[in-house]
Amino acid sequence: MFDTIAVNFTSRTVNIGMDEAHMLGRGRYMDIKGIKNSFGILLDHLRKVAEIAEKRGFELIMWGDMFFQLLNVSKGGSYYDEVTVPDEIKEMIPKNVNLIYWDYY
């Protein structure tokens, strides 16, 4: 996909979305790999996509709501609880990825 984007567009910034990933790691994924932490699944996938993009000179942007939602749920809260993303989590986000603030409310 990044090769196609590179040929057809001059921008090297791509919005990769990655929002609305509710129930991440359930369904077929869980059948194959067992129960895994949803935040870890999101972060692993983001790292893979960011690495591919970086090799082709792309900066990425993504909706940040899943980081907030998954952090809250992992702590026993809900999507609507206020949360501050800890520095150690921020450091896990690849350098060529920028989060866009998104909140329905």
Protein backbone atom coordinates (compact mmCIF):
# COMPACT_ATOMS: atom_id res chain seq x y z
CA MET A 1 0.00 0.00 0.00
CA PHE A 2 2.75 2.45 0.87
CA ASP A 3 4.46 1.81 -2.48
CA THR A 4 1.20 2.62 -4.27
CA ILE A 5 0.66 5.75 -2.17
CA ALA A 6 4.24 6.89 -2.87
CA VAL A 7 3.68 6.68 -6.63
CA ASN A 8 0.30 8.40 -6.63
CA PHE A 9 0.63 11.15 -4.01
CA THR A 10 3.25 13.74 -3.15
CA SER A 11 2.46 13.78 0.58
CA ARG A 12 4.47 11.48 2.80
CA THR A 13 1.94 11.69 5.64
CA VAL A 14 -0.72 8.99 5.88
CA ASN A 15 -3.62 8.62 8.31
CA ILE A 16 -3.68 4.94 9.21
CA GLY A 17 -6.88 5.24 11.26
CA MET A 18 -6.66 2.39 13.80
CA ASP A 19 -9.73 3.56 15.68
CA GLU A 20 -12.91 1.66 16.46
CA ALA A 21 -10.93 -1.48 17.26
CA HIS A 22 -13.32 -2.56 19.99
CA MET A 23 -13.04 -6.20 21.07
CA LEU A 24 -9.53 -6.31 19.62
CA GLY A 25 -7.99 -9.75 19.96
CA ARG A 26 -11.25 -11.62 20.12
CA GLY A 27 -12.84 -13.78 17.46
CA ARG A 28 -10.51 -15.62 15.09
CA TYR A 29 -7.38 -14.00 16.54
CA MET A 30 -8.20 -15.45 19.95
CA ASP A 31 -8.93 -18.87 18.42
CA ILE A 32 -5.44 -18.94 16.89
CA LYS A 33 -3.28 -17.13 19.47
CA GLY A 34 -5.25 -17.42 22.69
CA ILE A 35 -6.15 -14.57 25.00
CA LYS A 36 -3.77 -11.64 24.61
CA ASN A 37 -3.74 -8.10 25.99
CA SER A 38 -5.61 -5.82 23.55
CA PHE A 39 -3.25 -2.91 24.15
CA GLY A 40 -0.28 -5.13 23.31
CA ILE A 41 -1.94 -6.33 20.11
CA LEU A 42 -2.62 -2.72 19.02
CA LEU A 43 0.93 -1.64 19.84
CA ASP A 44 2.54 -4.62 18.06
CA HIS A 45 0.51 -3.96 14.92
CA LEU A 46 1.27 -0.23 15.04
CA ARG A 47 4.99 -0.96 15.30
CA LYS A 48 4.90 -3.25 12.27
CA VAL A 49 3.01 -0.71 10.16
CA ALA A 50 5.27 2.13 11.34
CA GLU A 51 8.40 0.16 10.42
CA ILE A 52 7.11 -0.50 6.90
CA ALA A 53 6.14 3.17 6.53
CA GLU A 54 9.49 4.43 7.83
CA LYS A 55 11.41 2.34 5.29
CA ARG A 56 9.47 4.15 2.57
CA GLY A 57 9.85 7.62 4.10
CA PHE A 58 6.34 8.06 5.51
CA GLU A 59 5.13 9.81 8.65
CA LEU A 60 1.94 8.39 10.09
CA ILE A 61 -0.99 9.86 11.94
CA MET A 62 -3.66 7.84 13.69
CA TRP A 63 -6.69 8.46 15.85
CA GLY A 64 -5.61 8.24 19.47
CA ASP A 65 -8.91 7.20 21.04
CA MET A 66 -8.02 3.51 21.20
CA PHE A 67 -4.96 4.28 23.34
CA PHE A 68 -7.18 6.05 25.86
CA GLN A 69 -9.93 3.43 25.69
CA LEU A 70 -7.62 0.43 26.03
CA LEU A 71 -5.66 2.06 28.86
CA ASN A 72 -8.85 2.75 30.80
CA VAL A 73 -10.31 -0.71 30.29
CA SER A 74 -7.03 -2.39 31.27
CA LYS A 75 -7.27 -0.51 34.59
CA GLY A 76 -10.86 -1.63 35.17
CA GLY A 77 -12.39 1.65 33.98
CA SER A 78 -14.42 2.65 30.98
CA TYR A 79 -13.81 4.62 27.80
CA TYR A 80 -15.29 7.72 29.40
CA ASP A 81 -12.94 7.90 32.38
CA GLU A 82 -10.30 10.59 32.22
CA VAL A 83 -6.85 9.17 31.66
CA THR A 84 -3.38 10.56 31.30
CA VAL A 85 -1.15 8.56 29.01
CA PRO A 86 1.94 7.72 31.09
CA ASP A 87 5.36 8.66 29.70
CA GLU A 88 6.38 5.00 29.41
CA ILE A 89 3.39 4.40 27.10
CA LYS A 90 4.19 7.52 25.05
CA GLU A 91 7.74 6.21 24.59
CA MET A 92 6.33 2.96 23.12
CA ILE A 93 4.72 4.82 20.23
CA PRO A 94 7.00 4.78 17.18
CA LYS A 95 8.70 8.10 16.43
CA ASN A 96 7.10 8.39 12.98
CA VAL A 97 3.57 8.14 14.45
CA ASN A 98 1.57 11.12 15.68
CA LEU A 99 -1.70 10.67 17.54
CA ILE A 100 -4.70 12.78 16.59
CA TYR A 101 -7.03 13.61 19.44
CA TRP A 102 -10.49 12.18 18.88
CA ASP A 103 -13.40 12.00 21.29
CA TYR A 104 -17.07 11.60 20.52
CA TYR A 105 -18.05 13.68 23.51
